[in-house]
Amino acid sequence: MKSETYLDFCFIRENSGTLAAEVETSFEQIFKGQRLHWYLDDKTVLDAEVVVAEVKGMSSWESEQEVIDHLEESAGDTFWTALQGYQFFIYPPEKKGCGSCGVS
């Protein structure tokens, strides 16, 4: 079963004009095989590029730690060098019954 997945990232580095494209390429590799979609908001502030990324959809991960483990295995240098912050929320499927209606 798949988990509802919400991942937010903030990437910042010196302006080269390519950060958004590099994040896009990284995400294509990192999230391959997952049912995730992302939106990138990029801007230049002073001499820095800032990319805020929202990733959401369904994934096979059942915890935030599983996402971190996957990133540690899959993400490259560009990802780690520019990453300045993140926030993850993983909502695994209920094991028994319907959590919202109280039926077990």
N, C-alpha and C. Protein backbone atom coordinates (compact mmCIF):
# COMPACT_ATOMS: atom_id res chain seq x y z
N MET A 1 0.84 -1.18 0.00
CA MET A 1 0.00 0.00 0.00
C MET A 1 0.88 1.24 0.00
N LYS A 2 0.35 2.29 -0.52
CA LYS A 2 1.10 3.55 -0.64
C LYS A 2 0.74 4.52 0.47
N SER A 3 1.70 5.36 0.81
CA SER A 3 1.53 6.40 1.84
C SER A 3 1.34 7.75 1.17
N GLU A 4 0.48 8.58 1.76
CA GLU A 4 0.40 9.97 1.32
C GLU A 4 1.71 10.64 1.72
N THR A 5 2.29 11.36 0.78
CA THR A 5 3.63 11.90 0.99
C THR A 5 3.66 13.39 0.65
N TYR A 6 4.19 14.18 1.58
CA TYR A 6 4.35 15.62 1.39
C TYR A 6 5.77 15.99 1.80
N LEU A 7 6.56 16.45 0.84
CA LEU A 7 7.96 16.80 1.09
C LEU A 7 8.18 18.24 0.64
N ASP A 8 8.80 19.04 1.47
CA ASP A 8 9.14 20.42 1.12
C ASP A 8 10.65 20.58 1.26
N PHE A 9 11.26 21.23 0.28
CA PHE A 9 12.70 21.46 0.28
C PHE A 9 12.99 22.92 -0.02
N CYS A 10 14.09 23.42 0.50
CA CYS A 10 14.59 24.75 0.16
C CYS A 10 16.06 24.60 -0.24
N PHE A 11 16.36 25.03 -1.46
CA PHE A 11 17.73 24.97 -1.97
C PHE A 11 18.21 26.40 -2.21
N ILE A 12 19.43 26.68 -1.80
CA ILE A 12 20.02 28.02 -2.00
C ILE A 12 21.49 27.83 -2.35
N ARG A 13 21.94 28.59 -3.34
CA ARG A 13 23.37 28.62 -3.67
C ARG A 13 23.68 29.87 -4.46
N GLU A 14 24.95 30.12 -4.68
CA GLU A 14 25.37 31.27 -5.46
C GLU A 14 24.75 31.19 -6.86
N ASN A 15 24.37 32.34 -7.39
CA ASN A 15 23.64 32.40 -8.65
C ASN A 15 24.49 31.90 -9.83
N SER A 16 23.98 30.85 -10.50
CA SER A 16 24.58 30.36 -11.73
C SER A 16 23.51 30.25 -12.82
N GLY A 17 22.24 30.39 -12.42
CA GLY A 17 21.15 30.31 -13.38
C GLY A 17 20.69 28.91 -13.71
N THR A 18 21.24 27.89 -13.04
CA THR A 18 20.92 26.50 -13.39
C THR A 18 20.35 25.68 -12.24
N LEU A 19 20.17 26.27 -11.08
CA LEU A 19 19.77 25.48 -9.91
C LEU A 19 18.42 24.79 -10.11
N ALA A 20 17.43 25.49 -10.62
CA ALA A 20 16.10 24.88 -10.80
C ALA A 20 16.18 23.67 -11.73
N ALA A 21 16.91 23.78 -12.82
CA ALA A 21 17.06 22.66 -13.76
C ALA A 21 17.79 21.49 -13.10
N GLU A 22 18.78 21.78 -12.29
CA GLU A 22 19.52 20.72 -11.61
C GLU A 22 18.66 20.03 -10.55
N VAL A 23 17.83 20.79 -9.84
CA VAL A 23 16.91 20.19 -8.87
C VAL A 23 15.90 19.31 -9.60
N GLU A 24 15.38 19.78 -10.71
CA GLU A 24 14.43 19.00 -11.53
C GLU A 24 15.06 17.66 -11.94
N THR A 25 16.27 17.70 -12.45
CA THR A 25 16.97 16.48 -12.86
C THR A 25 17.21 15.56 -11.67
N SER A 26 17.60 16.12 -10.54
CA SER A 26 17.80 15.32 -9.33
C SER A 26 16.51 14.62 -8.90
N PHE A 27 15.41 15.38 -8.89
CA PHE A 27 14.14 14.80 -8.48
C PHE A 27 13.70 13.67 -9.41
N GLU A 28 13.94 13.84 -10.72
CA GLU A 28 13.57 12.79 -11.67
C GLU A 28 14.27 11.47 -11.32
N GLN A 29 15.51 11.55 -10.88
CA GLN A 29 16.26 10.34 -10.51
C GLN A 29 15.90 9.86 -9.11
N ILE A 30 15.83 10.76 -8.16
CA ILE A 30 15.59 10.40 -6.76
C ILE A 30 14.21 9.78 -6.58
N PHE A 31 13.20 10.32 -7.24
CA PHE A 31 11.82 9.89 -7.02
C PHE A 31 11.30 8.95 -8.10
N LYS A 32 12.19 8.41 -8.92
CA LYS A 32 11.80 7.46 -9.96
C LYS A 32 11.12 6.25 -9.31
N GLY A 33 10.00 5.85 -9.86
CA GLY A 33 9.28 4.69 -9.33
C GLY A 33 8.24 5.02 -8.27
N GLN A 34 8.21 6.27 -7.81
CA GLN A 34 7.21 6.71 -6.85
C GLN A 34 6.15 7.52 -7.59
N ARG A 35 4.96 7.56 -7.07
CA ARG A 35 3.88 8.34 -7.69
C ARG A 35 3.86 9.75 -7.09
N LEU A 36 4.93 10.48 -7.34
CA LEU A 36 5.10 11.82 -6.77
C LEU A 36 5.19 12.86 -7.88
N HIS A 37 4.67 14.04 -7.58
CA HIS A 37 4.73 15.18 -8.48
C HIS A 37 5.32 16.35 -7.70
N TRP A 38 5.99 17.24 -8.40
CA TRP A 38 6.60 18.36 -7.70
C TRP A 38 6.38 19.67 -8.45
N TYR A 39 6.48 20.71 -7.66
CA TYR A 39 6.38 22.08 -8.15
C TYR A 39 7.59 22.83 -7.63
N LEU A 40 8.29 23.53 -8.52
CA LEU A 40 9.48 24.29 -8.14
C LEU A 40 9.19 25.77 -8.31
N ASP A 41 9.50 26.54 -7.29
CA ASP A 41 9.41 28.00 -7.35
C ASP A 41 10.82 28.53 -7.22
N ASP A 42 11.34 29.12 -8.29
CA ASP A 42 12.73 29.60 -8.24
C ASP A 42 12.77 31.11 -8.39
N LYS A 43 13.73 31.70 -7.71
CA LYS A 43 13.93 33.14 -7.78
C LYS A 43 15.38 33.46 -7.46
N THR A 44 15.76 34.67 -7.80
CA THR A 44 17.10 35.16 -7.48
C THR A 44 16.97 36.25 -6.44
N VAL A 45 17.73 36.12 -5.37
CA VAL A 45 17.73 37.10 -4.29
C VAL A 45 19.18 37.54 -4.09
N LEU A 46 19.42 38.82 -4.35
CA LEU A 46 20.78 39.36 -4.34
C LEU A 46 21.62 38.53 -5.31
N ASP A 47 22.65 37.84 -4.84
CA ASP A 47 23.49 37.03 -5.72
C ASP A 47 23.26 35.53 -5.51
N ALA A 48 22.09 35.17 -5.02
CA ALA A 48 21.82 33.77 -4.74
C ALA A 48 20.58 33.28 -5.49
N GLU A 49 20.62 32.03 -5.88
CA GLU A 49 19.44 31.36 -6.44
C GLU A 49 18.73 30.66 -5.30
N VAL A 50 17.41 30.75 -5.28
CA VAL A 50 16.60 30.09 -4.27
C VAL A 50 15.56 29.25 -5.00
N VAL A 51 15.48 27.97 -4.66
CA VAL A 51 14.46 27.09 -5.21
C VAL A 51 13.71 26.47 -4.05
N VAL A 52 12.41 26.72 -3.99
CA VAL A 52 11.54 26.08 -3.01
C VAL A 52 10.77 25.02 -3.77
N ALA A 53 10.83 23.78 -3.28
CA ALA A 53 10.20 22.66 -3.97
C ALA A 53 9.15 22.01 -3.08
N GLU A 54 7.98 21.79 -3.66
CA GLU A 54 6.91 21.05 -2.99
C GLU A 54 6.73 19.74 -3.75
N VAL A 55 6.83 18.63 -3.02
CA VAL A 55 6.68 17.31 -3.61
C VAL A 55 5.51 16.64 -2.91
N LYS A 56 4.58 16.08 -3.68
CA LYS A 56 3.47 15.39 -3.04
C LYS A 56 2.95 14.29 -3.94
N GLY A 57 2.24 13.35 -3.29
CA GLY A 57 1.68 12.22 -4.01
C GLY A 57 1.69 10.99 -3.14
N MET A 58 1.86 9.83 -3.78
CA MET A 58 1.86 8.56 -3.07
C MET A 58 3.25 7.93 -3.21
N SER A 59 3.74 7.36 -2.11
CA SER A 59 5.06 6.72 -2.13
C SER A 59 5.02 5.42 -1.34
N SER A 60 6.09 4.67 -1.45
CA SER A 60 6.20 3.40 -0.72
C SER A 60 6.78 3.59 0.69
N TRP A 61 7.20 4.81 1.04
CA TRP A 61 7.79 5.06 2.34
C TRP A 61 6.72 5.13 3.42
N GLU A 62 7.02 4.60 4.59
CA GLU A 62 6.07 4.61 5.70
C GLU A 62 6.48 5.55 6.83
N SER A 63 7.63 6.22 6.69
CA SER A 63 8.06 7.14 7.73
C SER A 63 9.00 8.18 7.13
N GLU A 64 9.16 9.27 7.87
CA GLU A 64 10.08 10.31 7.45
C GLU A 64 11.51 9.78 7.40
N GLN A 65 11.85 8.89 8.32
CA GLN A 65 13.20 8.32 8.35
C GLN A 65 13.49 7.52 7.08
N GLU A 66 12.48 6.82 6.55
CA GLU A 66 12.67 6.08 5.30
C GLU A 66 12.97 7.04 4.14
N VAL A 67 12.35 8.21 4.14
CA VAL A 67 12.64 9.21 3.11
C VAL A 67 14.09 9.67 3.24
N ILE A 68 14.51 9.98 4.45
CA ILE A 68 15.89 10.42 4.69
C ILE A 68 16.87 9.35 4.24
N ASP A 69 16.61 8.09 4.59
CA ASP A 69 17.49 6.99 4.17
C ASP A 69 17.58 6.92 2.65
N HIS A 70 16.44 7.06 1.99
CA HIS A 70 16.42 7.01 0.52
C HIS A 70 17.22 8.18 -0.07
N LEU A 71 17.05 9.37 0.48
CA LEU A 71 17.80 10.52 -0.01
C LEU A 71 19.30 10.33 0.18
N GLU A 72 19.69 9.78 1.32
CA GLU A 72 21.11 9.56 1.57
C GLU A 72 21.72 8.59 0.57
N GLU A 73 20.92 7.64 0.09
CA GLU A 73 21.39 6.67 -0.90
C GLU A 73 21.34 7.22 -2.32
N SER A 74 20.38 8.08 -2.62
CA SER A 74 20.08 8.44 -4.01
C SER A 74 20.50 9.84 -4.44
N ALA A 75 20.55 10.78 -3.54
CA ALA A 75 20.80 12.17 -3.92
C ALA A 75 22.28 12.42 -4.16
N GLY A 76 22.55 13.26 -5.14
CA GLY A 76 23.93 13.58 -5.51
C GLY A 76 24.45 14.83 -4.82
N ASP A 77 25.63 15.23 -5.23
CA ASP A 77 26.32 16.37 -4.61
C ASP A 77 25.56 17.68 -4.75
N THR A 78 24.99 17.93 -5.93
CA THR A 78 24.25 19.18 -6.13
C THR A 78 23.12 19.31 -5.12
N PHE A 79 22.39 18.22 -4.92
CA PHE A 79 21.28 18.20 -3.97
C PHE A 79 21.77 18.58 -2.58
N TRP A 80 22.81 17.90 -2.11
CA TRP A 80 23.28 18.11 -0.73
C TRP A 80 23.98 19.46 -0.55
N THR A 81 24.68 19.92 -1.57
CA THR A 81 25.38 21.20 -1.46
C THR A 81 24.41 22.37 -1.36
N ALA A 82 23.33 22.30 -2.12
CA ALA A 82 22.38 23.42 -2.16
C ALA A 82 21.26 23.30 -1.13
N LEU A 83 21.02 22.12 -0.59
CA LEU A 83 19.91 21.93 0.36
C LEU A 83 20.15 22.76 1.63
N GLN A 84 19.17 23.58 1.97
CA GLN A 84 19.27 24.41 3.17
C GLN A 84 18.19 24.08 4.21
N GLY A 85 17.15 23.38 3.79
CA GLY A 85 16.09 23.03 4.73
C GLY A 85 15.09 22.08 4.10
N TYR A 86 14.38 21.35 4.95
CA TYR A 86 13.36 20.44 4.47
C TYR A 86 12.32 20.20 5.55
N GLN A 87 11.17 19.69 5.12
CA GLN A 87 10.09 19.31 6.02
C GLN A 87 9.36 18.15 5.35
N PHE A 88 9.15 17.05 6.09
CA PHE A 88 8.51 15.87 5.53
C PHE A 88 7.30 15.49 6.36
N PHE A 89 6.25 15.04 5.67
CA PHE A 89 5.08 14.45 6.31
C PHE A 89 4.70 13.20 5.52
N ILE A 90 4.72 12.06 6.18
CA ILE A 90 4.35 10.79 5.57
C ILE A 90 3.16 10.24 6.34
N TYR A 91 2.08 9.94 5.62
CA TYR A 91 0.87 9.39 6.24
C TYR A 91 0.63 8.00 5.69
N PRO A 92 1.14 6.97 6.39
CA PRO A 92 0.95 5.60 5.89
C PRO A 92 -0.52 5.20 5.98
N PRO A 93 -0.92 4.22 5.18
CA PRO A 93 -2.32 3.77 5.22
C PRO A 93 -2.64 3.16 6.58
N GLU A 94 -3.89 3.29 6.97
CA GLU A 94 -4.33 2.69 8.23
C GLU A 94 -4.23 1.17 8.11
N LYS A 95 -3.71 0.54 9.14
CA LYS A 95 -3.54 -0.92 9.13
C LYS A 95 -4.88 -1.63 9.36
N LYS A 96 -5.75 -1.04 10.20
CA LYS A 96 -7.02 -1.67 10.52
C LYS A 96 -8.14 -0.64 10.38
N GLY A 97 -9.15 -1.02 9.67
CA GLY A 97 -10.35 -0.21 9.63
C GLY A 97 -10.14 1.17 9.05
N CYS A 98 -11.10 1.99 9.27
CA CYS A 98 -11.12 3.35 8.76
C CYS A 98 -10.84 4.31 9.92
N GLY A 99 -9.71 4.99 9.87
CA GLY A 99 -9.34 5.87 10.97
C GLY A 99 -10.30 7.01 11.19
N SER A 100 -10.95 7.48 10.14
CA SER A 100 -11.83 8.63 10.29
C SER A 100 -13.23 8.25 10.78
N CYS A 101 -13.66 6.99 10.51
CA CYS A 101 -15.03 6.64 10.91
C CYS A 101 -15.07 5.80 12.17
N GLY A 102 -13.92 5.36 12.67
CA GLY A 102 -13.89 4.62 13.94
C GLY A 102 -14.15 3.14 13.81
N VAL A 103 -14.38 2.64 12.59
CA VAL A 103 -14.63 1.19 12.39
C VAL A 103 -13.30 0.49 12.34
N SER A 104 -13.16 -0.59 13.17
CA SER A 104 -11.91 -1.34 13.13
C SER A 104 -12.09 -2.73 12.61
